[in-house]
């Protein structure tokens, strides 16, 4: 989902070493902006860029640097989110907790407001729950 709805629409930085890219010179100190939202919705890069289709990453192949929210390569040696393994573990545990819940989603406005940072659903997100199994370690 972070590809569709990045935490920030863009990131800003300054050039640390001069370089040339696509016939443009980038001198030291120039401010640059990376359009995360635009890059993650570019139809030249993504088939059906506005669709959430996680199965496109299931085989792990593809350009290691193509998915901007997490970066690519090895977290110890390259550009990749160093907290990714922790997030994956937390997501697996959260899904395990959700499997033990009986829940429903009340009517709400889940449209994303891109004028806010971070971009969030207009009404937030609400779940009505009733636990169907005892909590781990509970009485």
N, C-alpha and C. Protein backbone atom coordinates (compact mmCIF):
# COMPACT_ATOMS: atom_id res chain seq x y z
N UNK A 1 0.81 -1.21 0.00
CA UNK A 1 0.00 0.00 0.00
C UNK A 1 0.85 1.27 0.00
N UNK A 2 2.08 1.20 0.51
CA UNK A 2 2.92 2.40 0.53
C UNK A 2 3.26 2.87 -0.87
N UNK A 3 3.23 1.98 -1.87
CA UNK A 3 3.47 2.43 -3.24
C UNK A 3 2.32 3.32 -3.68
N UNK A 4 1.10 2.94 -3.34
CA UNK A 4 -0.06 3.74 -3.73
C UNK A 4 -0.21 4.98 -2.87
N UNK A 5 0.11 4.86 -1.60
CA UNK A 5 -0.09 5.96 -0.65
C UNK A 5 1.18 6.16 0.18
N UNK A 6 2.23 6.75 -0.40
CA UNK A 6 3.45 6.95 0.38
C UNK A 6 3.20 7.88 1.56
N UNK A 7 3.98 7.71 2.62
CA UNK A 7 3.84 8.57 3.80
C UNK A 7 3.99 10.04 3.43
N UNK A 8 4.87 10.32 2.49
CA UNK A 8 5.11 11.69 2.04
C UNK A 8 5.02 11.70 0.52
N UNK A 9 4.43 12.73 -0.07
CA UNK A 9 4.32 12.76 -1.53
C UNK A 9 5.66 13.01 -2.21
N UNK A 10 6.62 13.62 -1.52
CA UNK A 10 7.93 13.92 -2.10
C UNK A 10 8.96 14.05 -0.98
N UNK A 11 10.22 13.89 -1.35
CA UNK A 11 11.32 14.14 -0.42
C UNK A 11 12.26 15.15 -1.08
N UNK A 12 12.88 15.97 -0.25
CA UNK A 12 13.74 17.04 -0.74
C UNK A 12 15.15 16.81 -0.21
N UNK A 13 16.13 17.07 -1.05
CA UNK A 13 17.52 16.94 -0.64
C UNK A 13 18.40 17.93 -1.38
N UNK A 14 19.67 17.90 -1.07
CA UNK A 14 20.66 18.75 -1.74
C UNK A 14 21.73 17.86 -2.36
N UNK A 15 22.20 18.25 -3.54
CA UNK A 15 23.23 17.50 -4.25
C UNK A 15 24.55 17.61 -3.47
N UNK A 16 25.16 16.45 -3.19
CA UNK A 16 26.42 16.41 -2.44
C UNK A 16 27.63 16.27 -3.34
N UNK A 17 27.43 15.69 -4.52
CA UNK A 17 28.51 15.55 -5.50
C UNK A 17 27.90 15.85 -6.87
N UNK A 18 28.58 16.63 -7.70
CA UNK A 18 28.00 17.00 -8.99
C UNK A 18 27.79 15.78 -9.89
N UNK A 19 26.72 15.82 -10.67
CA UNK A 19 26.48 14.74 -11.64
C UNK A 19 25.61 15.27 -12.78
N UNK A 20 25.53 14.48 -13.84
CA UNK A 20 24.71 14.82 -15.01
C UNK A 20 23.71 13.69 -15.20
N UNK A 21 22.46 14.04 -15.40
CA UNK A 21 21.41 13.04 -15.60
C UNK A 21 20.45 13.58 -16.65
N UNK A 22 20.23 12.78 -17.71
CA UNK A 22 19.32 13.15 -18.81
C UNK A 22 19.59 14.56 -19.33
N UNK A 23 20.85 14.83 -19.60
CA UNK A 23 21.29 16.12 -20.14
C UNK A 23 21.07 17.30 -19.20
N UNK A 24 20.91 17.02 -17.91
CA UNK A 24 20.79 18.09 -16.92
C UNK A 24 21.98 18.01 -15.96
N UNK A 25 22.56 19.16 -15.67
CA UNK A 25 23.66 19.22 -14.72
C UNK A 25 23.12 19.51 -13.33
N UNK A 26 23.63 18.77 -12.35
CA UNK A 26 23.25 18.95 -10.96
C UNK A 26 24.50 19.33 -10.17
N UNK A 27 24.70 20.63 -9.93
CA UNK A 27 25.89 21.07 -9.18
C UNK A 27 25.70 20.85 -7.68
N UNK A 28 26.80 20.82 -6.96
CA UNK A 28 26.78 20.68 -5.51
C UNK A 28 25.91 21.80 -4.92
N UNK A 29 25.06 21.43 -3.97
CA UNK A 29 24.22 22.40 -3.29
C UNK A 29 22.85 22.62 -3.90
N UNK A 30 22.63 22.16 -5.14
CA UNK A 30 21.32 22.34 -5.76
C UNK A 30 20.27 21.55 -4.99
N UNK A 31 19.14 22.18 -4.76
CA UNK A 31 18.03 21.49 -4.10
C UNK A 31 17.30 20.65 -5.14
N UNK A 32 17.00 19.41 -4.78
CA UNK A 32 16.29 18.49 -5.68
C UNK A 32 15.09 17.90 -4.93
N UNK A 33 14.09 17.55 -5.70
CA UNK A 33 12.87 16.96 -5.14
C UNK A 33 12.61 15.64 -5.84
N UNK A 34 12.40 14.58 -5.08
CA UNK A 34 12.02 13.28 -5.61
C UNK A 34 10.52 13.12 -5.40
N UNK A 35 9.79 13.04 -6.49
CA UNK A 35 8.34 12.92 -6.46
C UNK A 35 7.97 11.45 -6.22
N UNK A 36 7.80 11.06 -4.97
CA UNK A 36 7.47 9.67 -4.63
C UNK A 36 6.12 9.26 -5.19
N UNK A 37 5.13 10.11 -5.00
CA UNK A 37 3.79 9.77 -5.48
C UNK A 37 3.80 9.60 -7.00
N UNK A 38 4.40 10.56 -7.70
CA UNK A 38 4.45 10.48 -9.16
C UNK A 38 5.24 9.28 -9.65
N UNK A 39 6.39 9.01 -9.02
CA UNK A 39 7.21 7.87 -9.42
C UNK A 39 6.48 6.55 -9.20
N UNK A 40 5.72 6.48 -8.12
CA UNK A 40 5.01 5.25 -7.79
C UNK A 40 3.70 5.08 -8.57
N UNK A 41 3.33 6.08 -9.36
CA UNK A 41 2.12 6.00 -10.18
C UNK A 41 2.42 6.19 -11.66
N UNK A 42 3.68 6.05 -12.05
CA UNK A 42 4.11 6.28 -13.43
C UNK A 42 3.73 5.09 -14.30
N UNK A 43 2.83 5.28 -15.29
CA UNK A 43 2.42 4.15 -16.14
C UNK A 43 3.55 3.62 -17.01
N UNK A 44 4.65 4.37 -17.17
CA UNK A 44 5.80 3.85 -17.92
C UNK A 44 6.55 2.82 -17.09
N UNK A 45 6.35 2.83 -15.77
CA UNK A 45 7.04 1.91 -14.87
C UNK A 45 6.10 0.81 -14.38
N UNK A 46 4.85 1.16 -14.09
CA UNK A 46 3.90 0.25 -13.46
C UNK A 46 2.74 -0.06 -14.40
N UNK A 47 2.44 -1.35 -14.59
CA UNK A 47 1.22 -1.75 -15.28
C UNK A 47 0.07 -1.51 -14.31
N UNK A 48 -0.97 -0.85 -14.75
CA UNK A 48 -2.10 -0.51 -13.87
C UNK A 48 -1.59 0.16 -12.59
N UNK A 49 -0.96 1.34 -12.70
CA UNK A 49 -0.28 1.95 -11.56
C UNK A 49 -1.18 2.33 -10.39
N UNK A 50 -2.47 2.45 -10.60
CA UNK A 50 -3.36 2.84 -9.50
C UNK A 50 -4.01 1.66 -8.81
N UNK A 51 -3.62 0.44 -9.19
CA UNK A 51 -4.20 -0.75 -8.59
C UNK A 51 -3.27 -1.36 -7.55
N UNK A 52 -3.85 -1.80 -6.43
CA UNK A 52 -3.10 -2.51 -5.39
C UNK A 52 -3.04 -3.97 -5.80
N UNK A 53 -1.89 -4.41 -6.26
CA UNK A 53 -1.70 -5.79 -6.70
C UNK A 53 -0.38 -6.32 -6.13
N UNK A 54 -0.35 -6.72 -4.86
CA UNK A 54 0.90 -7.17 -4.25
C UNK A 54 1.49 -8.41 -4.92
N UNK A 55 0.68 -9.16 -5.66
CA UNK A 55 1.20 -10.36 -6.31
C UNK A 55 2.28 -10.04 -7.35
N UNK A 56 2.37 -8.79 -7.79
CA UNK A 56 3.41 -8.46 -8.77
C UNK A 56 4.81 -8.56 -8.16
N UNK A 57 4.93 -8.65 -6.84
CA UNK A 57 6.24 -8.75 -6.19
C UNK A 57 6.50 -10.13 -5.60
N UNK A 58 5.60 -11.07 -5.83
CA UNK A 58 5.67 -12.36 -5.13
C UNK A 58 6.92 -13.16 -5.46
N UNK A 59 7.44 -13.05 -6.67
CA UNK A 59 8.62 -13.85 -7.02
C UNK A 59 9.93 -13.16 -6.64
N UNK A 60 9.86 -11.92 -6.18
CA UNK A 60 11.06 -11.21 -5.74
C UNK A 60 11.96 -10.75 -6.87
N UNK A 61 11.56 -10.99 -8.12
CA UNK A 61 12.39 -10.55 -9.23
C UNK A 61 12.04 -9.11 -9.60
N UNK A 62 12.79 -8.56 -10.48
CA UNK A 62 12.54 -7.19 -10.92
C UNK A 62 13.67 -6.29 -10.48
N UNK A 63 13.49 -5.03 -10.72
CA UNK A 63 14.50 -4.03 -10.41
C UNK A 63 14.54 -3.79 -8.90
N UNK A 64 15.67 -4.04 -8.29
CA UNK A 64 15.81 -3.89 -6.84
C UNK A 64 15.64 -2.44 -6.40
N UNK A 65 15.78 -1.50 -7.33
CA UNK A 65 15.67 -0.09 -6.96
C UNK A 65 14.39 0.53 -7.51
N UNK A 66 13.46 -0.27 -7.99
CA UNK A 66 12.25 0.25 -8.60
C UNK A 66 11.17 0.64 -7.62
N UNK A 67 11.13 0.01 -6.46
CA UNK A 67 10.09 0.29 -5.49
C UNK A 67 10.64 1.31 -4.49
N UNK A 68 10.31 2.56 -4.66
CA UNK A 68 10.92 3.64 -3.89
C UNK A 68 10.60 3.57 -2.39
N UNK A 69 9.39 3.20 -1.93
CA UNK A 69 9.15 3.26 -0.49
C UNK A 69 10.12 2.44 0.35
N UNK A 70 10.58 1.31 -0.11
CA UNK A 70 11.51 0.50 0.68
C UNK A 70 12.92 0.50 0.12
N UNK A 71 13.12 1.02 -1.07
CA UNK A 71 14.44 0.97 -1.68
C UNK A 71 14.73 -0.42 -2.19
N UNK A 72 15.99 -0.70 -2.49
CA UNK A 72 16.35 -2.00 -3.04
C UNK A 72 17.66 -2.48 -2.49
N UNK A 73 17.93 -3.74 -2.72
CA UNK A 73 19.19 -4.30 -2.28
C UNK A 73 19.16 -4.76 -0.84
N UNK A 74 20.34 -5.01 -0.30
CA UNK A 74 20.50 -5.50 1.06
C UNK A 74 20.48 -4.33 2.04
N UNK A 75 19.75 -4.46 3.13
CA UNK A 75 19.65 -3.36 4.11
C UNK A 75 21.00 -3.05 4.76
N UNK A 76 21.89 -4.02 4.85
CA UNK A 76 23.20 -3.78 5.48
C UNK A 76 24.20 -3.10 4.54
N UNK A 77 24.05 -3.33 3.23
CA UNK A 77 25.05 -2.82 2.29
C UNK A 77 24.50 -1.87 1.24
N UNK A 78 23.20 -1.79 1.08
CA UNK A 78 22.63 -0.97 0.02
C UNK A 78 21.54 -0.06 0.52
N UNK A 79 20.76 0.42 -0.41
CA UNK A 79 19.66 1.33 -0.08
C UNK A 79 18.39 0.51 0.12
N UNK A 80 18.08 0.24 1.36
CA UNK A 80 16.86 -0.47 1.71
C UNK A 80 16.50 -0.07 3.13
N UNK A 81 15.23 -0.04 3.44
CA UNK A 81 14.79 0.35 4.77
C UNK A 81 15.37 -0.61 5.80
N UNK A 82 16.18 -0.12 6.75
CA UNK A 82 16.78 -1.02 7.74
C UNK A 82 15.75 -1.61 8.70
N UNK A 83 14.58 -1.01 8.81
CA UNK A 83 13.56 -1.53 9.71
C UNK A 83 12.58 -2.47 9.05
N UNK A 84 12.83 -2.83 7.79
CA UNK A 84 11.86 -3.65 7.05
C UNK A 84 11.59 -4.98 7.71
N UNK A 85 12.61 -5.67 8.20
CA UNK A 85 12.40 -6.99 8.81
C UNK A 85 11.52 -6.88 10.06
N UNK A 86 11.69 -5.80 10.80
CA UNK A 86 10.87 -5.57 11.99
C UNK A 86 9.41 -5.33 11.59
N UNK A 87 9.21 -4.52 10.55
CA UNK A 87 7.86 -4.22 10.08
C UNK A 87 7.17 -5.48 9.57
N UNK A 88 7.89 -6.32 8.84
CA UNK A 88 7.30 -7.57 8.34
C UNK A 88 6.87 -8.45 9.52
N UNK A 89 7.72 -8.55 10.53
CA UNK A 89 7.37 -9.35 11.72
C UNK A 89 6.14 -8.78 12.42
N UNK A 90 6.09 -7.46 12.58
CA UNK A 90 4.93 -6.84 13.22
C UNK A 90 3.65 -7.06 12.41
N UNK A 91 3.77 -6.98 11.09
CA UNK A 91 2.59 -7.21 10.25
C UNK A 91 2.09 -8.64 10.37
N UNK A 92 3.02 -9.60 10.42
CA UNK A 92 2.62 -11.00 10.57
C UNK A 92 1.90 -11.22 11.91
N UNK A 93 2.42 -10.61 12.97
CA UNK A 93 1.78 -10.74 14.28
C UNK A 93 0.41 -10.06 14.30
N UNK A 94 0.33 -8.88 13.67
CA UNK A 94 -0.95 -8.16 13.62
C UNK A 94 -2.00 -8.99 12.86
N UNK A 95 -1.59 -9.61 11.76
CA UNK A 95 -2.53 -10.45 11.02
C UNK A 95 -2.97 -11.64 11.86
N UNK A 96 -2.06 -12.18 12.67
CA UNK A 96 -2.42 -13.27 13.57
C UNK A 96 -3.47 -12.84 14.58
N UNK A 97 -3.33 -11.62 15.11
CA UNK A 97 -4.33 -11.09 16.05
C UNK A 97 -5.66 -10.86 15.36
N UNK A 98 -5.62 -10.32 14.13
CA UNK A 98 -6.87 -10.07 13.40
C UNK A 98 -7.61 -11.37 13.10
N UNK A 99 -6.87 -12.46 12.89
CA UNK A 99 -7.51 -13.75 12.61
C UNK A 99 -8.36 -14.21 13.79
N UNK A 100 -8.03 -13.77 15.01
CA UNK A 100 -8.78 -14.17 16.20
C UNK A 100 -9.90 -13.21 16.55
N UNK A 101 -10.17 -12.24 15.68
CA UNK A 101 -11.20 -11.25 15.97
C UNK A 101 -12.42 -11.43 15.08
N UNK A 102 -13.54 -11.10 15.65
CA UNK A 102 -14.76 -10.97 14.86
C UNK A 102 -14.96 -9.47 14.73
N UNK A 103 -14.86 -8.94 13.52
CA UNK A 103 -14.94 -7.49 13.36
C UNK A 103 -15.79 -7.11 12.16
N UNK A 104 -16.22 -5.86 12.20
CA UNK A 104 -16.92 -5.28 11.05
C UNK A 104 -16.47 -3.84 10.92
N UNK A 105 -16.60 -3.31 9.73
CA UNK A 105 -16.21 -1.93 9.46
C UNK A 105 -17.47 -1.08 9.37
N UNK A 106 -17.66 -0.13 10.28
CA UNK A 106 -18.82 0.75 10.19
C UNK A 106 -18.68 1.68 8.99
N UNK A 107 -19.77 2.29 8.58
CA UNK A 107 -19.72 3.26 7.48
C UNK A 107 -18.73 4.36 7.82
N UNK A 108 -17.87 4.68 6.86
CA UNK A 108 -16.85 5.71 7.08
C UNK A 108 -16.32 6.18 5.73
N UNK A 109 -15.70 7.33 5.72
CA UNK A 109 -15.13 7.91 4.50
C UNK A 109 -13.66 7.52 4.44
N UNK A 110 -13.32 6.52 3.63
CA UNK A 110 -11.95 6.04 3.53
C UNK A 110 -11.18 6.68 2.37
N UNK A 111 -11.75 7.72 1.77
CA UNK A 111 -11.04 8.42 0.71
C UNK A 111 -9.77 9.06 1.30
N UNK A 112 -8.67 8.94 0.58
CA UNK A 112 -7.39 9.46 1.07
C UNK A 112 -7.30 10.95 0.77
N UNK A 113 -6.93 11.74 1.78
CA UNK A 113 -6.76 13.18 1.63
C UNK A 113 -5.28 13.46 1.37
N UNK A 114 -4.92 13.71 0.11
CA UNK A 114 -3.52 13.90 -0.27
C UNK A 114 -2.99 15.28 0.10
N UNK A 115 -3.82 16.13 0.67
CA UNK A 115 -3.34 17.45 1.13
C UNK A 115 -2.75 17.37 2.52
N UNK A 116 -2.94 16.24 3.20
CA UNK A 116 -2.43 16.07 4.56
C UNK A 116 -1.15 15.24 4.53
N UNK A 117 -0.28 15.50 5.49
CA UNK A 117 0.92 14.69 5.66
C UNK A 117 0.92 14.11 7.06
N UNK A 118 0.98 12.82 7.23
CA UNK A 118 0.88 11.84 6.17
C UNK A 118 -0.54 11.77 5.62
N UNK A 119 -0.67 11.30 4.39
CA UNK A 119 -1.99 11.18 3.75
C UNK A 119 -2.77 10.08 4.47
N UNK A 120 -3.93 10.43 4.99
CA UNK A 120 -4.74 9.50 5.76
C UNK A 120 -6.18 9.52 5.26
N UNK A 121 -6.96 8.46 5.54
CA UNK A 121 -8.38 8.51 5.18
C UNK A 121 -9.06 9.67 5.90
N UNK A 122 -10.04 10.28 5.25
CA UNK A 122 -10.72 11.46 5.79
C UNK A 122 -11.29 11.20 7.19
N UNK A 123 -11.88 10.03 7.40
CA UNK A 123 -12.51 9.76 8.69
C UNK A 123 -11.61 8.93 9.61
N UNK A 124 -10.34 8.75 9.23
CA UNK A 124 -9.52 7.81 9.98
C UNK A 124 -9.92 6.40 9.57
N UNK A 125 -9.72 5.46 10.44
CA UNK A 125 -10.12 4.08 10.14
C UNK A 125 -10.68 3.49 11.42
N UNK A 126 -11.90 2.97 11.34
CA UNK A 126 -12.55 2.42 12.53
C UNK A 126 -12.97 0.98 12.28
N UNK A 127 -12.76 0.15 13.30
CA UNK A 127 -13.23 -1.23 13.29
C UNK A 127 -14.02 -1.46 14.56
N UNK A 128 -15.09 -2.19 14.44
CA UNK A 128 -15.85 -2.62 15.62
C UNK A 128 -15.48 -4.08 15.82
N UNK A 129 -14.97 -4.41 17.02
CA UNK A 129 -14.45 -5.76 17.24
C UNK A 129 -15.12 -6.46 18.41
N UNK A 130 -15.08 -7.78 18.35
CA UNK A 130 -15.45 -8.64 19.46
C UNK A 130 -14.52 -9.84 19.38
N UNK A 131 -13.69 -10.01 20.38
CA UNK A 131 -12.71 -11.09 20.37
C UNK A 131 -13.44 -12.44 20.47
N UNK A 132 -13.02 -13.38 19.61
CA UNK A 132 -13.65 -14.70 19.62
C UNK A 132 -12.78 -15.75 20.29
N UNK A 133 -11.50 -15.40 20.58
CA UNK A 133 -10.62 -16.35 21.28
C UNK A 133 -9.90 -15.58 22.38
N UNK A 134 -9.53 -16.27 23.46
CA UNK A 134 -8.86 -15.57 24.56
C UNK A 134 -7.51 -15.01 24.12
N UNK A 135 -7.12 -13.89 24.76
CA UNK A 135 -5.82 -13.28 24.45
C UNK A 135 -4.70 -14.23 24.86
N UNK A 136 -3.56 -14.12 24.14
CA UNK A 136 -2.39 -14.93 24.51
C UNK A 136 -1.96 -14.56 25.91
N UNK A 137 -1.74 -15.54 26.75
CA UNK A 137 -1.26 -15.30 28.10
C UNK A 137 -2.31 -14.73 29.05
N UNK A 138 -3.52 -14.55 28.54
CA UNK A 138 -4.58 -13.97 29.36
C UNK A 138 -5.31 -15.02 30.15
N UNK A 139 -6.23 -14.56 30.99
CA UNK A 139 -7.00 -15.49 31.82
C UNK A 139 -8.24 -15.93 31.10
